[in-house]
Amino acid sequence: MTRSRILITVLVALIVGFGGGFVLRPVIIPVESTPVLANPAVTVPAPAEPRGKPYFAAHLDEARQILTGCADGSVRGEECFNAEMAVTEAEGRARHKKFFGN
């Protein structure tokens, strides 16, 4: 009987001790906050958004350069698609004008 009583007392003391430690830890040793950068925009540049189809429609020479870069793998992503769409539409309009004479 005394062994079980001692075991229960030790277990209760451990549970209370650990519980108290977890509860009081932020009070005893406060958690330090991470340092805030003065100007995060300078250290981490924002990713550039891909230029849209209207941009490439207005700048067809640049769109053709982007398509060349896409073909050899130096340019990837949405700009390839937008440049290709702008060039395709411009060529289609040119063929339409040539065919109908407008």
PDB file of N, CA and C in Angstrom:
ATOM      1  N   MET A   1       0.814  -1.188   0.000  1.00  0.00           N
ATOM      2  CA  MET A   1       0.000   0.000   0.000  1.00  0.00           C
ATOM      3  C   MET A   1       0.858   1.253   0.000  1.00  0.00           C
ATOM      4  N   THR A   2       1.943   1.230   0.710  1.00  0.00           N
ATOM      5  CA  THR A   2       2.787   2.410   0.782  1.00  0.00           C
ATOM      6  C   THR A   2       3.524   2.648  -0.536  1.00  0.00           C
ATOM      7  N   ARG A   3       3.862   1.551  -1.242  1.00  0.00           N
ATOM      8  CA  ARG A   3       4.530   1.738  -2.527  1.00  0.00           C
ATOM      9  C   ARG A   3       3.608   2.402  -3.539  1.00  0.00           C
ATOM     10  N   SER A   4       2.381   1.978  -3.622  1.00  0.00           N
ATOM     11  CA  SER A   4       1.444   2.588  -4.567  1.00  0.00           C
ATOM     12  C   SER A   4       1.161   4.033  -4.184  1.00  0.00           C
ATOM     13  N   ARG A   5       1.115   4.322  -2.898  1.00  0.00           N
ATOM     14  CA  ARG A   5       0.880   5.687  -2.440  1.00  0.00           C
ATOM     15  C   ARG A   5       2.071   6.579  -2.822  1.00  0.00           C
ATOM     16  N   ILE A   6       3.272   6.074  -2.671  1.00  0.00           N
ATOM     17  CA  ILE A   6       4.473   6.826  -3.035  1.00  0.00           C
ATOM     18  C   ILE A   6       4.514   7.042  -4.552  1.00  0.00           C
ATOM     19  N   LEU A   7       4.173   6.008  -5.309  1.00  0.00           N
ATOM     20  CA  LEU A   7       4.165   6.115  -6.769  1.00  0.00           C
ATOM     21  C   LEU A   7       3.152   7.168  -7.233  1.00  0.00           C
ATOM     22  N   ILE A   8       1.974   7.151  -6.665  1.00  0.00           N
ATOM     23  CA  ILE A   8       0.944   8.128  -7.026  1.00  0.00           C
ATOM     24  C   ILE A   8       1.389   9.529  -6.645  1.00  0.00           C
ATOM     25  N   THR A   9       1.992   9.694  -5.497  1.00  0.00           N
ATOM     26  CA  THR A   9       2.466  11.001  -5.043  1.00  0.00           C
ATOM     27  C   THR A   9       3.557  11.531  -5.978  1.00  0.00           C
ATOM     28  N   VAL A  10       4.482  10.658  -6.383  1.00  0.00           N
ATOM     29  CA  VAL A  10       5.558  11.072  -7.300  1.00  0.00           C
ATOM     30  C   VAL A  10       4.970  11.454  -8.652  1.00  0.00           C
ATOM     31  N   LEU A  11       4.037  10.673  -9.174  1.00  0.00           N
ATOM     32  CA  LEU A  11       3.421  10.983 -10.462  1.00  0.00           C
ATOM     33  C   LEU A  11       2.656  12.300 -10.412  1.00  0.00           C
ATOM     34  N   VAL A  12       1.909  12.530  -9.343  1.00  0.00           N
ATOM     35  CA  VAL A  12       1.170  13.794  -9.202  1.00  0.00           C
ATOM     36  C   VAL A  12       2.149  14.960  -9.119  1.00  0.00           C
ATOM     37  N   ALA A  13       3.241  14.800  -8.376  1.00  0.00           N
ATOM     38  CA  ALA A  13       4.228  15.869  -8.255  1.00  0.00           C
ATOM     39  C   ALA A  13       4.869  16.170  -9.618  1.00  0.00           C
ATOM     40  N   LEU A  14       5.179  15.119 -10.388  1.00  0.00           N
ATOM     41  CA  LEU A  14       5.755  15.338 -11.715  1.00  0.00           C
ATOM     42  C   LEU A  14       4.785  16.053 -12.657  1.00  0.00           C
ATOM     43  N   ILE A  15       3.543  15.620 -12.627  1.00  0.00           N
ATOM     44  CA  ILE A  15       2.535  16.241 -13.498  1.00  0.00           C
ATOM     45  C   ILE A  15       2.338  17.705 -13.130  1.00  0.00           C
ATOM     46  N   VAL A  16       2.239  17.983 -11.838  1.00  0.00           N
ATOM     47  CA  VAL A  16       2.067  19.380 -11.398  1.00  0.00           C
ATOM     48  C   VAL A  16       3.305  20.200 -11.748  1.00  0.00           C
ATOM     49  N   GLY A  17       4.488  19.625 -11.560  1.00  0.00           N
ATOM     50  CA  GLY A  17       5.722  20.344 -11.869  1.00  0.00           C
ATOM     51  C   GLY A  17       5.859  20.665 -13.343  1.00  0.00           C
ATOM     52  N   PHE A  18       5.644  19.650 -14.190  1.00  0.00           N
ATOM     53  CA  PHE A  18       5.739  19.889 -15.626  1.00  0.00           C
ATOM     54  C   PHE A  18       4.651  20.849 -16.106  1.00  0.00           C
ATOM     55  N   GLY A  19       3.442  20.680 -15.607  1.00  0.00           N
ATOM     56  CA  GLY A  19       2.351  21.585 -15.989  1.00  0.00           C
ATOM     57  C   GLY A  19       2.646  23.011 -15.585  1.00  0.00           C
ATOM     58  N   GLY A  20       3.133  23.177 -14.369  1.00  0.00           N
ATOM     59  CA  GLY A  20       3.493  24.524 -13.914  1.00  0.00           C
ATOM     60  C   GLY A  20       4.622  25.114 -14.738  1.00  0.00           C
ATOM     61  N   GLY A  21       5.594  24.273 -15.105  1.00  0.00           N
ATOM     62  CA  GLY A  21       6.700  24.750 -15.939  1.00  0.00           C
ATOM     63  C   GLY A  21       6.230  25.218 -17.302  1.00  0.00           C
ATOM     64  N   PHE A  22       5.334  24.454 -17.925  1.00  0.00           N
ATOM     65  CA  PHE A  22       4.818  24.857 -19.238  1.00  0.00           C
ATOM     66  C   PHE A  22       3.985  26.119 -19.154  1.00  0.00           C
ATOM     67  N   VAL A  23       3.233  26.266 -18.075  1.00  0.00           N
ATOM     68  CA  VAL A  23       2.380  27.449 -17.926  1.00  0.00           C
ATOM     69  C   VAL A  23       3.218  28.675 -17.601  1.00  0.00           C
ATOM     70  N   LEU A  24       4.215  28.522 -16.722  1.00  0.00           N
ATOM     71  CA  LEU A  24       4.993  29.672 -16.271  1.00  0.00           C
ATOM     72  C   LEU A  24       6.200  29.988 -17.150  1.00  0.00           C
ATOM     73  N   ARG A  25       6.535  29.161 -18.123  1.00  0.00           N
ATOM     74  CA  ARG A  25       7.704  29.414 -18.951  1.00  0.00           C
ATOM     75  C   ARG A  25       7.672  30.762 -19.650  1.00  0.00           C
ATOM     76  N   PRO A  26       6.572  31.163 -20.273  1.00  0.00           N
ATOM     77  CA  PRO A  26       6.565  32.490 -20.912  1.00  0.00           C
ATOM     78  C   PRO A  26       6.769  33.629 -19.907  1.00  0.00           C
ATOM     79  N   VAL A  27       6.398  33.417 -18.645  1.00  0.00           N
ATOM     80  CA  VAL A  27       6.570  34.458 -17.640  1.00  0.00           C
ATOM     81  C   VAL A  27       8.014  34.485 -17.150  1.00  0.00           C
ATOM     82  N   ILE A  28       8.592  33.312 -16.939  1.00  0.00           N
ATOM     83  CA  ILE A  28       9.949  33.223 -16.405  1.00  0.00           C
ATOM     84  C   ILE A  28      10.969  33.657 -17.466  1.00  0.00           C
ATOM     85  N   ILE A  29      10.869  33.103 -18.677  1.00  0.00           N
ATOM     86  CA  ILE A  29      11.782  33.435 -19.775  1.00  0.00           C
ATOM     87  C   ILE A  29      10.921  33.846 -20.963  1.00  0.00           C
ATOM     88  N   PRO A  30      10.699  35.157 -21.155  1.00  0.00           N
ATOM     89  CA  PRO A  30       9.856  35.598 -22.272  1.00  0.00           C
ATOM     90  C   PRO A  30      10.448  35.217 -23.626  1.00  0.00           C
ATOM     91  N   VAL A  31       9.576  34.953 -24.562  1.00  0.00           N
ATOM     92  CA  VAL A  31       9.986  34.599 -25.916  1.00  0.00           C
ATOM     93  C   VAL A  31      10.410  35.878 -26.616  1.00  0.00           C
ATOM     94  N   GLU A  32      11.634  35.843 -27.199  1.00  0.00           N
ATOM     95  CA  GLU A  32      12.119  37.020 -27.910  1.00  0.00           C
ATOM     96  C   GLU A  32      11.479  37.084 -29.289  1.00  0.00           C
ATOM     97  N   SER A  33      11.108  38.282 -29.686  1.00  0.00           N
ATOM     98  CA  SER A  33      10.526  38.435 -31.013  1.00  0.00           C
ATOM     99  C   SER A  33      11.639  38.492 -32.042  1.00  0.00           C
ATOM    100  N   THR A  34      11.316  38.132 -33.267  1.00  0.00           N
ATOM    101  CA  THR A  34      12.307  38.159 -34.335  1.00  0.00           C
ATOM    102  C   THR A  34      12.589  39.608 -34.710  1.00  0.00           C
ATOM    103  N   PRO A  35      13.811  39.914 -35.094  1.00  0.00           N
ATOM    104  CA  PRO A  35      14.131  41.296 -35.452  1.00  0.00           C
ATOM    105  C   PRO A  35      13.383  41.702 -36.714  1.00  0.00           C
ATOM    106  N   VAL A  36      12.906  42.927 -36.714  1.00  0.00           N
ATOM    107  CA  VAL A  36      12.151  43.461 -37.839  1.00  0.00           C
ATOM    108  C   VAL A  36      13.109  44.248 -38.717  1.00  0.00           C
ATOM    109  N   LEU A  37      13.064  43.990 -40.011  1.00  0.00           N
ATOM    110  CA  LEU A  37      13.919  44.708 -40.936  1.00  0.00           C
ATOM    111  C   LEU A  37      13.401  46.120 -41.117  1.00  0.00           C
ATOM    112  N   ALA A  38      14.306  47.050 -41.305  1.00  0.00           N
ATOM    113  CA  ALA A  38      13.919  48.450 -41.442  1.00  0.00           C
ATOM    114  C   ALA A  38      13.082  48.666 -42.698  1.00  0.00           C
ATOM    115  N   ASN A  39      13.508  48.079 -43.808  1.00  0.00           N
ATOM    116  CA  ASN A  39      12.783  48.252 -45.056  1.00  0.00           C
ATOM    117  C   ASN A  39      12.823  46.922 -45.811  1.00  0.00           C
ATOM    118  N   PRO A  40      11.818  46.067 -45.635  1.00  0.00           N
ATOM    119  CA  PRO A  40      11.859  44.755 -46.270  1.00  0.00           C
ATOM    120  C   PRO A  40      11.794  44.817 -47.797  1.00  0.00           C
ATOM    121  N   ALA A  41      11.278  45.922 -48.357  1.00  0.00           N
ATOM    122  CA  ALA A  41      11.183  46.015 -49.808  1.00  0.00           C
ATOM    123  C   ALA A  41      12.568  46.108 -50.447  1.00  0.00           C
ATOM    124  N   VAL A  42      13.534  46.663 -49.719  1.00  0.00           N
ATOM    125  CA  VAL A  42      14.873  46.796 -50.261  1.00  0.00           C
ATOM    126  C   VAL A  42      15.586  45.444 -50.262  1.00  0.00           C
ATOM    127  N   THR A  43      15.397  44.659 -49.220  1.00  0.00           N
ATOM    128  CA  THR A  43      16.114  43.390 -49.109  1.00  0.00           C
ATOM    129  C   THR A  43      15.475  42.294 -49.942  1.00  0.00           C
ATOM    130  N   VAL A  44      14.150  42.293 -50.065  1.00  0.00           N
ATOM    131  CA  VAL A  44      13.460  41.251 -50.820  1.00  0.00           C
ATOM    132  C   VAL A  44      12.686  41.920 -51.955  1.00  0.00           C
ATOM    133  N   PRO A  45      13.210  41.859 -53.174  1.00  0.00           N
ATOM    134  CA  PRO A  45      12.491  42.492 -54.274  1.00  0.00           C
ATOM    135  C   PRO A  45      11.219  41.720 -54.622  1.00  0.00           C
ATOM    136  N   ALA A  46      10.201  42.444 -54.978  1.00  0.00           N
ATOM    137  CA  ALA A  46       8.937  41.814 -55.367  1.00  0.00           C
ATOM    138  C   ALA A  46       9.117  41.161 -56.740  1.00  0.00           C
ATOM    139  N   PRO A  47       8.540  39.978 -56.915  1.00  0.00           N
ATOM    140  CA  PRO A  47       8.672  39.333 -58.224  1.00  0.00           C
ATOM    141  C   PRO A  47       7.939  40.140 -59.291  1.00  0.00           C
ATOM    142  N   ALA A  48       8.589  40.301 -60.429  1.00  0.00           N
ATOM    143  CA  ALA A  48       7.987  41.068 -61.514  1.00  0.00           C
ATOM    144  C   ALA A  48       6.846  40.266 -62.135  1.00  0.00           C
ATOM    145  N   GLU A  49       5.760  40.945 -62.379  1.00  0.00           N
ATOM    146  CA  GLU A  49       4.621  40.275 -62.997  1.00  0.00           C
ATOM    147  C   GLU A  49       4.894  40.134 -64.492  1.00  0.00           C
ATOM    148  N   PRO A  50       4.410  39.059 -65.089  1.00  0.00           N
ATOM    149  CA  PRO A  50       4.620  38.901 -66.531  1.00  0.00           C
ATOM    150  C   PRO A  50       3.846  39.967 -67.309  1.00  0.00           C
ATOM    151  N   ARG A  51       4.463  40.432 -68.382  1.00  0.00           N
ATOM    152  CA  ARG A  51       3.791  41.438 -69.206  1.00  0.00           C
ATOM    153  C   ARG A  51       2.629  40.782 -69.928  1.00  0.00           C
ATOM    154  N   GLY A  52       1.583  41.540 -70.118  1.00  0.00           N
ATOM    155  CA  GLY A  52       0.362  40.999 -70.689  1.00  0.00           C
ATOM    156  C   GLY A  52       0.334  41.049 -72.212  1.00  0.00           C
ATOM    157  N   LYS A  53      -0.708  40.476 -72.749  1.00  0.00           N
ATOM    158  CA  LYS A  53      -0.890  40.430 -74.200  1.00  0.00           C
ATOM    159  C   LYS A  53      -1.023  41.830 -74.797  1.00  0.00           C
ATOM    160  N   PRO A  54      -1.738  42.770 -74.140  1.00  0.00           N
ATOM    161  CA  PRO A  54      -1.819  44.117 -74.721  1.00  0.00           C
ATOM    162  C   PRO A  54      -0.447  44.788 -74.840  1.00  0.00           C
ATOM    163  N   TYR A  55       0.434  44.540 -73.876  1.00  0.00           N
ATOM    164  CA  TYR A  55       1.781  45.111 -73.950  1.00  0.00           C
ATOM    165  C   TYR A  55       2.503  44.571 -75.178  1.00  0.00           C
ATOM    166  N   PHE A  56       2.458  43.257 -75.362  1.00  0.00           N
ATOM    167  CA  PHE A  56       3.151  42.657 -76.490  1.00  0.00           C
ATOM    168  C   PHE A  56       2.490  43.006 -77.819  1.00  0.00           C
ATOM    169  N   ALA A  57       1.182  43.267 -77.811  1.00  0.00           N
ATOM    170  CA  ALA A  57       0.519  43.696 -79.044  1.00  0.00           C
ATOM    171  C   ALA A  57       1.030  45.070 -79.465  1.00  0.00           C
ATOM    172  N   ALA A  58       1.368  45.914 -78.494  1.00  0.00           N
ATOM    173  CA  ALA A  58       1.899  47.239 -78.803  1.00  0.00           C
ATOM    174  C   ALA A  58       3.394  47.191 -79.116  1.00  0.00           C
ATOM    175  N   HIS A  59       4.100  46.156 -78.669  1.00  0.00           N
ATOM    176  CA  HIS A  59       5.545  46.024 -78.860  1.00  0.00           C
ATOM    177  C   HIS A  59       5.841  44.676 -79.516  1.00  0.00           C
ATOM    178  N   LEU A  60       5.509  44.559 -80.804  1.00  0.00           N
ATOM    179  CA  LEU A  60       5.634  43.273 -81.496  1.00  0.00           C
ATOM    180  C   LEU A  60       7.084  42.823 -81.650  1.00  0.00           C
ATOM    181  N   ASP A  61       8.007  43.748 -81.819  1.00  0.00           N
ATOM    182  CA  ASP A  61       9.415  43.348 -81.946  1.00  0.00           C
ATOM    183  C   ASP A  61       9.901  42.684 -80.664  1.00  0.00           C
ATOM    184  N   GLU A  62       9.527  43.241 -79.538  1.00  0.00           N
ATOM    185  CA  GLU A  62       9.911  42.651 -78.253  1.00  0.00           C
ATOM    186  C   GLU A  62       9.229  41.298 -78.050  1.00  0.00           C
ATOM    187  N   ALA A  63       7.988  41.195 -78.515  1.00  0.00           N
ATOM    188  CA  ALA A  63       7.275  39.917 -78.406  1.00  0.00           C
ATOM    189  C   ALA A  63       7.982  38.839 -79.220  1.00  0.00           C
ATOM    190  N   ARG A  64       8.485  39.205 -80.389  1.00  0.00           N
ATOM    191  CA  ARG A  64       9.211  38.228 -81.204  1.00  0.00           C
ATOM    192  C   ARG A  64      10.535  37.834 -80.543  1.00  0.00           C
ATOM    193  N   GLN A  65      11.183  38.781 -79.863  1.00  0.00           N
ATOM    194  CA  GLN A  65      12.411  38.453 -79.128  1.00  0.00           C
ATOM    195  C   GLN A  65      12.110  37.484 -77.985  1.00  0.00           C
ATOM    196  N   ILE A  66      10.990  37.702 -77.293  1.00  0.00           N
ATOM    197  CA  ILE A  66      10.588  36.808 -76.206  1.00  0.00           C
ATOM    198  C   ILE A  66      10.300  35.423 -76.757  1.00  0.00           C
ATOM    199  N   LEU A  67       9.649  35.340 -77.914  1.00  0.00           N
ATOM    200  CA  LEU A  67       9.368  34.032 -78.525  1.00  0.00           C
ATOM    201  C   LEU A  67      10.659  33.305 -78.891  1.00  0.00           C
ATOM    202  N   THR A  68      11.658  34.041 -79.351  1.00  0.00           N
ATOM    203  CA  THR A  68      12.952  33.429 -79.638  1.00  0.00           C
ATOM    204  C   THR A  68      13.570  32.880 -78.360  1.00  0.00           C
ATOM    205  N   GLY A  69      13.465  33.665 -77.271  1.00  0.00           N
ATOM    206  CA  GLY A  69      13.970  33.206 -75.979  1.00  0.00           C
ATOM    207  C   GLY A  69      13.203  31.999 -75.461  1.00  0.00           C
ATOM    208  N   CYS A  70      11.912  31.957 -75.718  1.00  0.00           N
ATOM    209  CA  CYS A  70      11.104  30.807 -75.296  1.00  0.00           C
ATOM    210  C   CYS A  70      11.514  29.551 -76.063  1.00  0.00           C
ATOM    211  N   ALA A  71      11.833  29.721 -77.332  1.00  0.00           N
ATOM    212  CA  ALA A  71      12.211  28.573 -78.149  1.00  0.00           C
ATOM    213  C   ALA A  71      13.528  27.959 -77.694  1.00  0.00           C
ATOM    214  N   ASP A  72      14.485  28.807 -77.268  1.00  0.00           N
ATOM    215  CA  ASP A  72      15.758  28.241 -76.823  1.00  0.00           C
ATOM    216  C   ASP A  72      15.821  28.019 -75.322  1.00  0.00           C
ATOM    217  N   GLY A  73      14.736  28.306 -74.603  1.00  0.00           N
ATOM    218  CA  GLY A  73      14.641  27.960 -73.186  1.00  0.00           C
ATOM    219  C   GLY A  73      15.129  29.006 -72.211  1.00  0.00           C
ATOM    220  N   SER A  74      15.527  30.188 -72.677  1.00  0.00           N
ATOM    221  CA  SER A  74      16.016  31.206 -71.749  1.00  0.00           C
ATOM    222  C   SER A  74      14.879  31.986 -71.094  1.00  0.00           C
ATOM    223  N   VAL A  75      13.696  31.957 -71.683  1.00  0.00           N
ATOM    224  CA  VAL A  75      12.521  32.629 -71.114  1.00  0.00           C
ATOM    225  C   VAL A  75      11.446  31.579 -70.900  1.00  0.00           C
ATOM    226  N   ARG A  76      10.781  31.663 -69.751  1.00  0.00           N
ATOM    227  CA  ARG A  76       9.712  30.707 -69.443  1.00  0.00           C
ATOM    228  C   ARG A  76       8.537  31.440 -68.839  1.00  0.00           C
ATOM    229  N   GLY A  77       7.448  30.733 -68.734  1.00  0.00           N
ATOM    230  CA  GLY A  77       6.312  31.237 -67.979  1.00  0.00           C
ATOM    231  C   GLY A  77       5.236  31.847 -68.841  1.00  0.00           C
ATOM    232  N   GLU A  78       4.479  32.708 -68.190  1.00  0.00           N
ATOM    233  CA  GLU A  78       3.297  33.294 -68.805  1.00  0.00           C
ATOM    234  C   GLU A  78       3.646  34.285 -69.904  1.00  0.00           C
ATOM    235  N   GLU A  79       4.840  34.894 -69.829  1.00  0.00           N
ATOM    236  CA  GLU A  79       5.235  35.836 -70.870  1.00  0.00           C
ATOM    237  C   GLU A  79       5.336  35.142 -72.221  1.00  0.00           C
ATOM    238  N   CYS A  80       5.777  33.905 -72.242  1.00  0.00           N
ATOM    239  CA  CYS A  80       5.847  33.159 -73.509  1.00  0.00           C
ATOM    240  C   CYS A  80       4.457  33.047 -74.127  1.00  0.00           C
ATOM    241  N   PHE A  81       3.496  32.682 -73.297  1.00  0.00           N
ATOM    242  CA  PHE A  81       2.127  32.527 -73.796  1.00  0.00           C
ATOM    243  C   PHE A  81       1.576  33.863 -74.284  1.00  0.00           C
ATOM    244  N   ASN A  82       1.762  34.922 -73.486  1.00  0.00           N
ATOM    245  CA  ASN A  82       1.232  36.234 -73.861  1.00  0.00           C
ATOM    246  C   ASN A  82       1.886  36.758 -75.136  1.00  0.00           C
ATOM    247  N   ALA A  83       3.203  36.584 -75.268  1.00  0.00           N
ATOM    248  CA  ALA A  83       3.894  37.039 -76.470  1.00  0.00           C
ATOM    249  C   ALA A  83       3.422  36.250 -77.690  1.00  0.00           C
ATOM    250  N   GLU A  84       3.268  34.946 -77.529  1.00  0.00           N
ATOM    251  CA  GLU A  84       2.821  34.123 -78.650  1.00  0.00           C
ATOM    252  C   GLU A  84       1.410  34.512 -79.102  1.00  0.00           C
ATOM    253  N   MET A  85       0.534  34.763 -78.147  1.00  0.00           N
ATOM    254  CA  MET A  85      -0.831  35.171 -78.494  1.00  0.00           C
ATOM    255  C   MET A  85      -0.828  36.515 -79.226  1.00  0.00           C
ATOM    256  N   ALA A  86      -0.024  37.474 -78.761  1.00  0.00           N
ATOM    257  CA  ALA A  86       0.021  38.792 -79.399  1.00  0.00           C
ATOM    258  C   ALA A  86       0.575  38.691 -80.813  1.00  0.00           C
ATOM    259  N   VAL A  87       1.626  37.902 -80.999  1.00  0.00           N
ATOM    260  CA  VAL A  87       2.217  37.760 -82.339  1.00  0.00           C
ATOM    261  C   VAL A  87       1.246  37.030 -83.263  1.00  0.00           C
ATOM    262  N   THR A  88       0.608  35.996 -82.773  1.00  0.00           N
ATOM    263  CA  THR A  88      -0.348  35.247 -83.591  1.00  0.00           C
ATOM    264  C   THR A  88      -1.507  36.122 -84.026  1.00  0.00           C
ATOM    265  N   GLU A  89      -2.038  36.916 -83.103  1.00  0.00           N
ATOM    266  CA  GLU A  89      -3.155  37.804 -83.454  1.00  0.00           C
ATOM    267  C   GLU A  89      -2.711  38.887 -84.431  1.00  0.00           C
ATOM    268  N   ALA A  90      -1.509  39.434 -84.245  1.00  0.00           N
ATOM    269  CA  ALA A  90      -1.017  40.467 -85.164  1.00  0.00           C
ATOM    270  C   ALA A  90      -0.817  39.890 -86.563  1.00  0.00           C
ATOM    271  N   GLU A  91      -0.256  38.697 -86.645  1.00  0.00           N
ATOM    272  CA  GLU A  91      -0.080  38.058 -87.953  1.00  0.00           C
ATOM    273  C   GLU A  91      -1.421  37.739 -88.595  1.00  0.00           C
ATOM    274  N   GLY A  92      -2.384  37.316 -87.791  1.00  0.00           N
ATOM    275  CA  GLY A  92      -3.726  37.043 -88.310  1.00  0.00           C
ATOM    276  C   GLY A  92      -4.382  38.308 -88.851  1.00  0.00           C
ATOM    277  N   ARG A  93      -4.238  39.420 -88.119  1.00  0.00           N
ATOM    278  CA  ARG A  93      -4.799  40.691 -88.610  1.00  0.00           C
ATOM    279  C   ARG A  93      -4.109  41.119 -89.908  1.00  0.00           C
ATOM    280  N   ALA A  94      -2.787  40.911 -89.977  1.00  0.00           N
ATOM    281  CA  ALA A  94      -2.055  41.297 -91.189  1.00  0.00           C
ATOM    282  C   ALA A  94      -2.513  40.456 -92.378  1.00  0.00           C
ATOM    283  N   ARG A  95      -2.709  39.148 -92.169  1.00  0.00           N
ATOM    284  CA  ARG A  95      -3.197  38.293 -93.253  1.00  0.00           C
ATOM    285  C   ARG A  95      -4.622  38.685 -93.666  1.00  0.00           C
ATOM    286  N   HIS A  96      -5.431  39.040 -92.681  1.00  0.00           N
ATOM    287  CA  HIS A  96      -6.814  39.452 -92.967  1.00  0.00           C
ATOM    288  C   HIS A  96      -6.810  40.725 -93.813  1.00  0.00           C
ATOM    289  N   LYS A  97      -5.977  41.690 -93.427  1.00  0.00           N
ATOM    290  CA  LYS A  97      -5.904  42.937 -94.195  1.00  0.00           C
ATOM    291  C   LYS A  97      -5.391  42.678 -95.616  1.00  0.00           C
ATOM    292  N   LYS A  98      -4.389  41.814 -95.726  1.00  0.00           N
ATOM    293  CA  LYS A  98      -3.817  41.505 -97.030  1.00  0.00           C
ATOM    294  C   LYS A  98      -4.854  40.811 -97.934  1.00  0.00           C
ATOM    295  N   PHE A  99      -5.621  39.890 -97.344  1.00  0.00           N
ATOM    296  CA  PHE A  99      -6.595  39.135 -98.130  1.00  0.00           C
ATOM    297  C   PHE A  99      -7.772  40.005 -98.563  1.00  0.00           C
ATOM    298  N   PHE A 100      -8.327  40.771 -97.593  1.00  0.00           N
ATOM    299  CA  PHE A 100      -9.494  41.583 -97.900  1.00  0.00           C
ATOM    300  C   PHE A 100      -9.161  42.975 -98.386  1.00  0.00           C
ATOM    301  N   GLY A 101      -7.911  43.379 -98.278  1.00  0.00           N
ATOM    302  CA  GLY A 101      -7.501  44.680 -98.773  1.00  0.00           C
ATOM    303  C   GLY A 101      -7.987  45.833 -97.929  1.00  0.00           C
ATOM    304  N   ASN A 102      -8.272  45.619 -96.677  1.00  0.00           N
ATOM    305  CA  ASN A 102      -8.748  46.707 -95.805  1.00  0.00           C
ATOM    306  C   ASN A 102      -7.610  47.359 -95.135  1.00  0.00           C
TER     307      ASN A 102
END
